Amino acid sequence: MYSALVIASQFINKGIAEGKPVTPMKLQKLIYLAHGLHLARHEKPLIKEPVEAWTYGPVIPDIYYRFKKWGNNPITKSVKIGFWEDDRFVDEGDVLDRQAQDTLNMAWDITKDFNAIQLSNWTHTEGSPWYQAVSKTESGVAEYEPIDNDLIKAYFTEIIRTNVGE
């Protein structure tokens, strides 16, 4: 498992490099999609942090608070997450295993041409993990309800099965 911030940095940097910078909202959806794909394909979480059901869909709170200053604007500043070891900087993104890197590439390829609103609408579809988490609340409104990884895994496993035939 990786820090959601490491995964975020990979998507931000990929977006900048390809001339398709992501907004904070799209970043949330990218991380969520990658996490779901990873759970379904490799039966283990991609990120350490819990995903929560907020009003506008699945959210990783740490990512929200770190990038909210960008508002609805694309994040145009590269992010490097790492540590110093023996007088050299080690970018944590460089130590992603092959499965994680494949998952990030797959998530990016699927979503790079969609905007944040389109991805948010997708996360709100009836039966989605976000929808199920919100439906459990008395008010039917997202109240920072955690979304269980087993629910995310089952949902993405079904999407892969019906759309890819894996």
Protein backbone atom coordinates (compact mmCIF):
# COMPACT_ATOMS: atom_id res chain seq x y z
CA MET A 1 0.00 0.00 0.00
CA TYR A 2 1.07 3.51 -0.73
CA SER A 3 0.29 6.92 0.64
CA ALA A 4 -2.51 8.56 -1.33
CA LEU A 5 -0.18 11.55 -1.65
CA VAL A 6 2.35 9.43 -3.56
CA ILE A 7 -0.39 8.26 -5.92
CA ALA A 8 -1.66 11.85 -6.26
CA SER A 9 1.82 13.06 -7.18
CA GLN A 10 2.02 10.48 -9.94
CA PHE A 11 -1.28 11.60 -11.50
CA ILE A 12 -0.44 15.30 -11.13
CA ASN A 13 2.94 14.84 -12.78
CA LYS A 14 1.49 12.62 -15.53
CA GLY A 15 -1.19 15.23 -16.26
CA ILE A 16 1.37 18.02 -16.50
CA ALA A 17 3.71 15.95 -18.68
CA GLU A 18 0.91 15.08 -21.11
CA GLY A 19 -0.58 18.58 -21.20
CA LYS A 20 -3.73 17.42 -19.38
CA PRO A 21 -3.31 18.80 -15.86
CA VAL A 22 -5.88 17.58 -13.34
CA THR A 23 -8.07 19.58 -11.00
CA PRO A 24 -8.33 18.61 -7.32
CA MET A 25 -11.74 17.03 -7.97
CA LYS A 26 -10.47 14.97 -10.89
CA LEU A 27 -7.48 13.95 -8.78
CA GLN A 28 -9.84 12.52 -6.16
CA LYS A 29 -11.68 10.49 -8.78
CA LEU A 30 -8.42 9.25 -10.36
CA ILE A 31 -7.10 8.00 -7.03
CA TYR A 32 -10.44 6.37 -6.23
CA LEU A 33 -10.58 4.66 -9.63
CA ALA A 34 -6.98 3.44 -9.33
CA HIS A 35 -7.66 2.17 -5.81
CA GLY A 36 -10.77 0.31 -6.98
CA LEU A 37 -9.01 -1.19 -9.99
CA HIS A 38 -6.11 -2.29 -7.80
CA LEU A 39 -8.42 -3.92 -5.27
CA ALA A 40 -10.25 -5.78 -8.04
CA ARG A 41 -7.21 -6.84 -10.05
CA HIS A 42 -4.69 -7.55 -7.30
CA GLU A 43 -6.89 -8.14 -4.24
CA LYS A 44 -5.04 -5.58 -2.15
CA PRO A 45 -5.51 -1.87 -1.50
CA LEU A 46 -3.48 0.66 -3.46
CA ILE A 47 -3.71 3.40 -0.83
CA LYS A 48 -3.40 3.34 2.97
CA GLU A 49 -6.00 6.01 3.69
CA PRO A 50 -9.73 5.33 3.81
CA VAL A 51 -12.01 6.63 1.08
CA GLU A 52 -15.00 8.55 2.44
CA ALA A 53 -18.39 9.33 0.92
CA TRP A 54 -18.72 13.11 0.70
CA THR A 55 -21.41 15.14 -1.03
CA TYR A 56 -19.54 15.25 -4.35
CA GLY A 57 -18.44 11.63 -4.31
CA PRO A 58 -15.60 9.54 -2.94
CA VAL A 59 -12.92 11.61 -1.22
CA ILE A 60 -9.59 10.93 0.42
CA PRO A 61 -9.58 13.69 3.07
CA ASP A 62 -5.81 14.24 3.16
CA ILE A 63 -5.76 14.83 -0.61
CA TYR A 64 -8.72 17.18 -0.36
CA TYR A 65 -7.08 19.38 2.27
CA ARG A 66 -3.67 19.40 0.57
CA PHE A 67 -4.98 20.47 -2.85
CA LYS A 68 -8.15 22.46 -2.10
CA LYS A 69 -6.25 25.75 -2.60
CA TRP A 70 -6.34 25.04 -6.35
CA GLY A 71 -10.15 25.22 -6.28
CA ASN A 72 -11.54 24.22 -9.69
CA ASN A 73 -8.28 25.05 -11.44
CA PRO A 74 -5.83 22.52 -12.86
CA ILE A 75 -2.87 21.67 -10.65
CA THR A 76 0.07 22.96 -12.67
CA LYS A 77 2.92 22.52 -10.19
CA SER A 78 4.74 19.18 -10.14
CA VAL A 79 4.76 17.30 -6.87
CA LYS A 80 7.65 15.23 -5.59
CA ILE A 81 7.14 13.02 -2.55
CA GLY A 82 10.14 11.29 -1.13
CA PHE A 83 12.98 11.23 1.32
CA TRP A 84 16.71 11.81 1.55
CA GLU A 85 18.95 8.78 1.66
CA ASP A 86 22.74 8.94 1.56
CA ASP A 87 22.74 12.53 0.28
CA ARG A 88 20.31 11.85 -2.57
CA PHE A 89 16.58 12.41 -2.92
CA VAL A 90 14.55 9.25 -3.46
CA ASP A 91 11.19 9.95 -5.12
CA GLU A 92 8.66 7.56 -3.58
CA GLY A 93 6.92 7.38 -6.95
CA ASP A 94 10.04 5.72 -8.31
CA VAL A 95 9.59 2.82 -5.90
CA LEU A 96 6.05 1.86 -6.95
CA ASP A 97 5.90 -1.83 -7.77
CA ARG A 98 4.96 -2.95 -11.26
CA GLN A 99 1.37 -3.76 -10.28
CA ALA A 100 0.84 -0.28 -8.84
CA GLN A 101 2.41 1.38 -11.88
CA ASP A 102 0.23 -0.71 -14.22
CA THR A 103 -2.85 0.27 -12.21
CA LEU A 104 -1.97 3.97 -12.41
CA ASN A 105 -1.41 3.73 -16.16
CA MET A 106 -4.72 1.91 -16.63
CA ALA A 107 -6.64 4.45 -14.53
CA TRP A 108 -5.00 7.33 -16.41
CA ASP A 109 -5.72 5.82 -19.82
CA ILE A 110 -9.38 5.28 -18.90
CA THR A 111 -9.97 8.77 -17.50
CA LYS A 112 -7.49 11.22 -19.03
CA ASP A 113 -10.04 12.61 -21.48
CA PHE A 114 -12.89 12.93 -18.95
CA ASN A 115 -13.39 16.04 -16.85
CA ALA A 116 -14.00 16.09 -13.10
CA ILE A 117 -17.78 16.53 -13.44
CA GLN A 118 -18.10 13.53 -15.76
CA LEU A 119 -16.08 11.40 -13.33
CA SER A 120 -18.07 12.69 -10.37
CA ASN A 121 -21.33 11.79 -12.12
CA TRP A 122 -19.96 8.31 -12.74
CA THR A 123 -19.11 7.86 -9.04
CA HIS A 124 -22.68 8.84 -8.14
CA THR A 125 -24.41 6.17 -10.22
CA GLU A 126 -26.97 4.02 -8.47
CA GLY A 127 -25.32 0.97 -6.93
CA SER A 128 -21.84 2.54 -6.77
CA PRO A 129 -19.93 2.24 -3.48
CA TRP A 130 -20.47 5.97 -2.87
CA TYR A 131 -24.21 5.58 -3.51
CA GLN A 132 -24.41 2.60 -1.16
CA ALA A 133 -22.50 4.41 1.60
CA VAL A 134 -24.72 7.48 1.33
CA SER A 135 -27.87 5.34 1.23
CA LYS A 136 -26.91 3.91 4.65
CA THR A 137 -27.13 7.33 6.29
CA GLU A 138 -30.42 8.42 7.83
CA SER A 139 -30.49 11.65 5.85
CA GLY A 140 -29.42 10.12 2.55
CA VAL A 141 -26.74 12.81 2.38
CA ALA A 142 -23.02 12.14 2.40
CA GLU A 143 -21.74 12.68 5.91
CA TYR A 144 -18.10 11.62 5.63
CA GLU A 145 -19.14 7.98 5.72
CA PRO A 146 -16.21 5.59 5.16
CA ILE A 147 -16.56 3.41 2.08
CA ASP A 148 -15.56 -0.16 2.84
CA ASN A 149 -12.76 -1.56 0.66
CA ASP A 150 -14.71 -4.80 0.20
CA LEU A 151 -17.57 -2.82 -1.31
CA ILE A 152 -15.17 -0.95 -3.62
CA LYS A 153 -13.48 -4.21 -4.62
CA ALA A 154 -16.77 -5.96 -5.44
CA TYR A 155 -17.96 -3.00 -7.51
CA PHE A 156 -14.78 -2.73 -9.55
CA THR A 157 -14.54 -6.51 -9.97
CA GLU A 158 -18.01 -6.44 -11.55
CA ILE A 159 -17.10 -3.50 -13.80
CA ILE A 160 -14.01 -5.31 -15.04
CA ARG A 161 -15.92 -8.56 -15.51
CA THR A 162 -18.70 -6.97 -17.54
CA ASN A 163 -16.58 -4.52 -19.53
CA VAL A 164 -13.30 -6.32 -20.04
CA GLY A 165 -14.20 -9.93 -19.50
CA GLU A 166 -11.39 -10.66 -17.05
